[in-house]
């Protein structure tokens, strides 16, 4: 695959974009809800009601250099969303540094 496309009208966060990014796939996503946070600079955000913008983004991804560059950015960015990274940010926000005995799923 060259990229991941999910033109949602509503997307609270977009874990599917993060999963694609972890595999080095840049995303074409709609600028709704939390997609800007999950995709960031590792993809192209478009208006969900603008078919031509989606088409233009698909054309942009046909350039191997663009797809490779955005894919590498996406892959590196996906590290922000691992369980360990999210837990670390949560503990810092709660000011609970490395609490022994926290369940592993946190």
N, C-alpha and C. Protein backbone atom coordinates (compact mmCIF):
# COMPACT_ATOMS: atom_id res chain seq x y z
N UNK A 1 0.83 -1.19 0.00
CA UNK A 1 0.00 0.00 0.00
C UNK A 1 0.88 1.25 0.00
N UNK A 2 0.39 2.28 -0.62
CA UNK A 2 1.10 3.55 -0.67
C UNK A 2 0.67 4.47 0.46
N UNK A 3 -0.62 4.43 0.78
CA UNK A 3 -1.13 5.28 1.85
C UNK A 3 -2.43 4.69 2.39
N UNK A 4 -2.90 5.29 3.47
CA UNK A 4 -4.16 4.88 4.10
C UNK A 4 -5.14 6.03 3.92
N UNK A 5 -6.33 5.72 3.42
CA UNK A 5 -7.34 6.75 3.18
C UNK A 5 -8.60 6.38 3.97
N UNK A 6 -9.04 7.32 4.81
CA UNK A 6 -10.28 7.12 5.57
C UNK A 6 -10.99 8.48 5.63
N UNK A 7 -11.82 8.77 4.61
CA UNK A 7 -12.48 10.08 4.55
C UNK A 7 -13.74 10.14 5.41
N UNK A 8 -13.55 10.14 6.71
CA UNK A 8 -14.68 10.15 7.66
C UNK A 8 -15.33 11.53 7.76
N UNK A 9 -16.63 11.52 7.96
CA UNK A 9 -17.32 12.77 8.26
C UNK A 9 -17.15 13.13 9.73
N UNK A 10 -17.04 12.12 10.59
CA UNK A 10 -16.83 12.33 12.02
C UNK A 10 -15.79 11.33 12.49
N UNK A 11 -14.79 11.80 13.21
CA UNK A 11 -13.74 10.92 13.71
C UNK A 11 -13.23 11.50 15.02
N UNK A 12 -13.59 10.91 16.17
CA UNK A 12 -13.18 11.47 17.46
C UNK A 12 -11.66 11.51 17.65
N UNK A 13 -10.97 10.46 17.23
CA UNK A 13 -9.51 10.45 17.36
C UNK A 13 -8.87 9.86 16.11
N UNK A 14 -9.19 8.67 15.77
CA UNK A 14 -8.64 8.06 14.57
C UNK A 14 -7.50 7.09 14.85
N UNK A 15 -7.74 6.09 15.68
CA UNK A 15 -6.70 5.11 15.99
C UNK A 15 -6.25 4.37 14.73
N UNK A 16 -7.14 4.23 13.75
CA UNK A 16 -6.76 3.55 12.51
C UNK A 16 -5.63 4.29 11.80
N UNK A 17 -5.62 5.62 11.90
CA UNK A 17 -4.52 6.39 11.30
C UNK A 17 -3.20 6.09 12.00
N UNK A 18 -3.24 5.97 13.31
CA UNK A 18 -2.04 5.67 14.09
C UNK A 18 -1.54 4.26 13.75
N UNK A 19 -2.46 3.32 13.60
CA UNK A 19 -2.07 1.96 13.24
C UNK A 19 -1.42 1.93 11.86
N UNK A 20 -1.97 2.66 10.91
CA UNK A 20 -1.36 2.74 9.58
C UNK A 20 0.02 3.38 9.67
N UNK A 21 0.12 4.44 10.45
CA UNK A 21 1.40 5.15 10.61
C UNK A 21 2.47 4.23 11.19
N UNK A 22 2.09 3.37 12.13
CA UNK A 22 3.05 2.45 12.74
C UNK A 22 3.67 1.53 11.69
N UNK A 23 2.99 1.36 10.57
CA UNK A 23 3.50 0.53 9.48
C UNK A 23 4.12 1.38 8.36
N UNK A 24 4.32 2.66 8.65
CA UNK A 24 4.96 3.54 7.68
C UNK A 24 4.06 4.06 6.58
N UNK A 25 2.75 3.97 6.80
CA UNK A 25 1.83 4.47 5.78
C UNK A 25 1.35 5.87 6.14
N UNK A 26 1.54 6.83 5.25
CA UNK A 26 0.95 8.14 5.48
C UNK A 26 -0.56 8.05 5.26
N UNK A 27 -1.29 9.00 5.80
CA UNK A 27 -2.75 8.97 5.69
C UNK A 27 -3.27 10.15 4.90
N UNK A 28 -4.37 9.91 4.25
CA UNK A 28 -5.22 10.98 3.73
C UNK A 28 -6.44 10.95 4.63
N UNK A 29 -6.62 12.01 5.37
CA UNK A 29 -7.66 12.05 6.39
C UNK A 29 -8.47 13.33 6.25
N UNK A 30 -9.67 13.28 6.78
CA UNK A 30 -10.50 14.47 6.77
C UNK A 30 -10.26 15.28 8.04
N UNK A 31 -10.29 16.57 7.89
CA UNK A 31 -10.01 17.49 9.00
C UNK A 31 -11.25 17.61 9.87
N UNK A 32 -11.55 16.53 10.59
CA UNK A 32 -12.70 16.51 11.49
C UNK A 32 -12.28 15.89 12.81
N UNK A 33 -12.89 16.33 13.88
CA UNK A 33 -12.62 15.73 15.18
C UNK A 33 -11.15 15.73 15.54
N UNK A 34 -10.65 14.58 15.94
CA UNK A 34 -9.28 14.47 16.41
C UNK A 34 -8.28 13.99 15.38
N UNK A 35 -8.67 13.97 14.11
CA UNK A 35 -7.73 13.44 13.12
C UNK A 35 -6.47 14.27 12.99
N UNK A 36 -6.57 15.57 13.20
CA UNK A 36 -5.37 16.40 13.12
C UNK A 36 -4.35 15.95 14.16
N UNK A 37 -4.84 15.56 15.34
CA UNK A 37 -3.94 15.09 16.39
C UNK A 37 -3.34 13.73 16.05
N UNK A 38 -4.14 12.83 15.50
CA UNK A 38 -3.63 11.49 15.24
C UNK A 38 -2.79 11.42 13.96
N UNK A 39 -3.09 12.22 12.96
CA UNK A 39 -2.34 12.20 11.70
C UNK A 39 -1.17 13.17 11.74
N UNK A 40 -1.41 14.39 12.20
CA UNK A 40 -0.35 15.39 12.26
C UNK A 40 0.32 15.58 10.91
N UNK A 41 1.65 15.78 10.91
CA UNK A 41 2.36 16.01 9.66
C UNK A 41 2.65 14.73 8.88
N UNK A 42 2.12 13.60 9.35
CA UNK A 42 2.35 12.33 8.67
C UNK A 42 1.29 11.99 7.65
N UNK A 43 0.64 13.00 7.13
CA UNK A 43 -0.39 12.76 6.13
C UNK A 43 -0.93 14.06 5.58
N UNK A 44 -2.01 13.96 4.87
CA UNK A 44 -2.65 15.11 4.26
C UNK A 44 -4.08 15.19 4.79
N UNK A 45 -4.44 16.34 5.34
CA UNK A 45 -5.80 16.56 5.84
C UNK A 45 -6.61 17.32 4.80
N UNK A 46 -7.83 16.88 4.59
CA UNK A 46 -8.70 17.51 3.60
C UNK A 46 -10.08 17.76 4.19
N UNK A 47 -10.83 18.62 3.56
CA UNK A 47 -12.22 18.87 3.93
C UNK A 47 -13.02 17.62 3.57
N UNK A 48 -13.81 17.08 4.50
CA UNK A 48 -14.53 15.84 4.21
C UNK A 48 -15.58 15.97 3.11
N UNK A 49 -15.99 17.18 2.80
CA UNK A 49 -17.01 17.38 1.78
C UNK A 49 -16.43 17.84 0.45
N UNK A 50 -15.12 17.88 0.35
CA UNK A 50 -14.45 18.37 -0.86
C UNK A 50 -13.83 17.19 -1.61
N UNK A 51 -14.60 16.63 -2.54
CA UNK A 51 -14.13 15.48 -3.30
C UNK A 51 -12.86 15.79 -4.09
N UNK A 52 -12.77 17.00 -4.61
CA UNK A 52 -11.58 17.36 -5.39
C UNK A 52 -10.33 17.43 -4.51
N UNK A 53 -10.49 17.87 -3.27
CA UNK A 53 -9.34 17.90 -2.35
C UNK A 53 -8.87 16.48 -2.04
N UNK A 54 -9.80 15.56 -1.88
CA UNK A 54 -9.43 14.16 -1.65
C UNK A 54 -8.71 13.61 -2.87
N UNK A 55 -9.22 13.91 -4.06
CA UNK A 55 -8.57 13.48 -5.30
C UNK A 55 -7.17 14.07 -5.42
N UNK A 56 -7.03 15.36 -5.13
CA UNK A 56 -5.71 16.00 -5.19
C UNK A 56 -4.73 15.35 -4.22
N UNK A 57 -5.21 15.03 -3.01
CA UNK A 57 -4.35 14.37 -2.03
C UNK A 57 -3.92 12.99 -2.53
N UNK A 58 -4.84 12.27 -3.17
CA UNK A 58 -4.49 10.96 -3.73
C UNK A 58 -3.45 11.11 -4.83
N UNK A 59 -3.60 12.13 -5.64
CA UNK A 59 -2.60 12.39 -6.69
C UNK A 59 -1.24 12.71 -6.08
N UNK A 60 -1.25 13.53 -5.02
CA UNK A 60 0.01 13.86 -4.34
C UNK A 60 0.70 12.60 -3.83
N UNK A 61 -0.07 11.66 -3.29
CA UNK A 61 0.50 10.43 -2.75
C UNK A 61 1.02 9.50 -3.84
N UNK A 62 0.65 9.75 -5.09
CA UNK A 62 1.18 8.95 -6.20
C UNK A 62 2.65 9.26 -6.46
N UNK A 63 3.13 10.37 -5.94
CA UNK A 63 4.55 10.70 -6.06
C UNK A 63 5.30 9.88 -5.01
N UNK A 64 6.15 8.94 -5.43
CA UNK A 64 6.83 8.08 -4.46
C UNK A 64 7.64 8.85 -3.42
N UNK A 65 8.22 9.97 -3.80
CA UNK A 65 9.01 10.76 -2.84
C UNK A 65 8.11 11.36 -1.76
N UNK A 66 6.95 11.86 -2.15
CA UNK A 66 6.00 12.43 -1.18
C UNK A 66 5.50 11.35 -0.24
N UNK A 67 5.08 10.22 -0.80
CA UNK A 67 4.57 9.12 0.02
C UNK A 67 5.63 8.60 0.98
N UNK A 68 6.87 8.48 0.51
CA UNK A 68 7.95 7.98 1.37
C UNK A 68 8.26 8.97 2.49
N UNK A 69 8.32 10.26 2.15
CA UNK A 69 8.63 11.28 3.16
C UNK A 69 7.54 11.33 4.23
N UNK A 70 6.29 11.39 3.80
CA UNK A 70 5.18 11.44 4.76
C UNK A 70 5.07 10.13 5.54
N UNK A 71 5.37 9.01 4.88
CA UNK A 71 5.33 7.72 5.56
C UNK A 71 6.35 7.63 6.68
N UNK A 72 7.54 8.16 6.45
CA UNK A 72 8.57 8.15 7.50
C UNK A 72 8.18 9.07 8.65
N UNK A 73 7.63 10.23 8.33
CA UNK A 73 7.14 11.14 9.38
C UNK A 73 6.04 10.44 10.18
N UNK A 74 5.14 9.78 9.49
CA UNK A 74 4.04 9.07 10.16
C UNK A 74 4.57 7.97 11.07
N UNK A 75 5.54 7.19 10.57
CA UNK A 75 6.08 6.11 11.38
C UNK A 75 6.72 6.63 12.65
N UNK A 76 7.53 7.68 12.53
CA UNK A 76 8.16 8.26 13.73
C UNK A 76 7.10 8.84 14.67
N UNK A 77 6.10 9.48 14.11
CA UNK A 77 5.05 10.09 14.93
C UNK A 77 4.22 9.04 15.67
N UNK A 78 4.08 7.87 15.10
CA UNK A 78 3.27 6.83 15.75
C UNK A 78 3.85 6.43 17.10
N UNK A 79 5.14 6.67 17.30
CA UNK A 79 5.76 6.38 18.60
C UNK A 79 5.14 7.20 19.73
N UNK A 80 4.52 8.33 19.40
CA UNK A 80 3.87 9.16 20.41
C UNK A 80 2.63 8.48 21.00
N UNK A 81 2.12 7.47 20.30
CA UNK A 81 0.85 6.87 20.68
C UNK A 81 0.98 5.44 21.19
N UNK A 82 2.20 5.00 21.51
CA UNK A 82 2.35 3.68 22.12
C UNK A 82 1.77 3.74 23.53
N UNK A 83 1.45 2.57 24.09
CA UNK A 83 0.92 2.55 25.45
C UNK A 83 1.90 3.18 26.43
N UNK A 84 3.18 2.87 26.29
CA UNK A 84 4.18 3.44 27.21
C UNK A 84 4.24 4.96 27.10
N UNK A 85 4.20 5.47 25.88
CA UNK A 85 4.28 6.92 25.69
C UNK A 85 3.05 7.62 26.26
N UNK A 86 1.89 7.06 26.00
CA UNK A 86 0.65 7.66 26.50
C UNK A 86 0.61 7.60 28.03
N UNK A 87 1.02 6.46 28.60
CA UNK A 87 1.05 6.34 30.06
C UNK A 87 2.03 7.34 30.66
N UNK A 88 3.19 7.50 30.04
CA UNK A 88 4.16 8.47 30.55
C UNK A 88 3.59 9.88 30.58
N UNK A 89 2.90 10.26 29.51
CA UNK A 89 2.28 11.60 29.48
C UNK A 89 1.18 11.72 30.53
N UNK A 90 0.41 10.66 30.70
CA UNK A 90 -0.66 10.68 31.70
C UNK A 90 -0.08 10.82 33.10
N UNK A 91 0.95 10.05 33.41
CA UNK A 91 1.56 10.13 34.74
C UNK A 91 2.17 11.51 34.99
N UNK A 92 2.80 12.08 33.97
CA UNK A 92 3.35 13.44 34.13
C UNK A 92 2.23 14.45 34.36
N UNK A 93 1.13 14.28 33.63
CA UNK A 93 0.01 15.21 33.80
C UNK A 93 -0.60 15.08 35.19
N UNK A 94 -0.62 13.86 35.71
CA UNK A 94 -1.16 13.63 37.05
C UNK A 94 -0.12 13.85 38.13
N UNK A 95 1.12 14.07 37.71
CA UNK A 95 2.25 14.24 38.61
C UNK A 95 2.44 13.00 39.49
N UNK A 96 2.36 11.82 38.88
CA UNK A 96 2.56 10.55 39.56
C UNK A 96 3.73 9.81 38.90
N UNK A 97 4.95 10.20 39.18
CA UNK A 97 6.08 9.56 38.50
C UNK A 97 6.24 8.10 38.90
N UNK A 98 6.29 7.22 37.93
CA UNK A 98 6.58 5.80 38.10
C UNK A 98 6.02 5.20 39.38
N UNK A 99 4.73 5.08 39.45
CA UNK A 99 4.07 4.52 40.62
C UNK A 99 4.16 3.00 40.55
N UNK A 100 4.86 2.36 41.51
CA UNK A 100 4.92 0.90 41.50
C UNK A 100 3.54 0.31 41.75
N UNK A 101 3.27 -0.79 41.11
CA UNK A 101 2.01 -1.48 41.34
C UNK A 101 0.87 -1.05 40.43
N UNK A 102 1.12 -0.09 39.53
CA UNK A 102 0.06 0.27 38.58
C UNK A 102 -0.19 -0.92 37.67
N UNK A 103 -1.44 -1.19 37.36
CA UNK A 103 -1.72 -2.29 36.44
C UNK A 103 -0.99 -2.09 35.12
N UNK A 104 -0.52 -3.17 34.53
CA UNK A 104 0.25 -3.08 33.29
C UNK A 104 -0.56 -2.51 32.13
N UNK A 105 -1.88 -2.66 32.17
CA UNK A 105 -2.68 -2.16 31.06
C UNK A 105 -2.75 -0.64 31.03
N UNK A 106 -2.34 0.04 32.09
CA UNK A 106 -2.31 1.49 32.09
C UNK A 106 -1.05 1.95 31.44
